[in-house]
Amino acid sequence: MGSLEAALRGARDNGRKLVVPYVTGGLDGWSDVVRAVVAEGADAVEIGIPFSDPMIDGPVIQEASRRALEQGATPASVLGQAAKLEVGVPLVVMTYYNIVSRSGHRRFAHQLVEAGVVGAILVDLPLEESGDWARAADQAGVATVLLAAPSTPDDRLVAICARSRGFVYGV
């Protein structure tokens, strides 16, 4: 069991409901928002790495990503700021596979580790195409969090649960 799963199970096993808020990285003051939600009891924090075509996200996150990119946010700048957070709860990035692919699987996984990030949700990376990334992430100690929908067939859900690390993201 990785550090992300251990932290979330620990909170749950203590009878607490888990709170895992999402914050778009790269916006003015975003790191202060992360510190504030942790101070108020967040069990982990999802940090969105802005992407130019966030087609899977809703209008609020699309707009936040657009603004962050206009303010000069890059994956490197978001991870650089994340490395300075030291908030005491697991940090997980949420982004699109294109960012990982451009950087290279191993390189991106190591950048996450250097930033203190323990998990990655790549919203457009399906189970069938996750192998290369998931192996690089496993080797680096980064949890690959896969997505499942209420409509996911049972046999596919079993496979998603088997491959996912940390938790399964229900959409």
Foldseek 3Di string as FASTA:
>chain_A
DAPLQVLVVVCVVVVDDAAEEEFEFQPVCRLVVVLVVVVVPHQEYEYEQADQCPPVDDPVVNVVSVRSVVSPGHPLVRLVVLLVNPNPHAYEYEYACVNCVVCDLLRVLVSCVNSRHAEYEHPPQDPVRCVVNLVSNVVSRHWYAEEDEPPDDPVVVVSNVVSGPSYHHYD
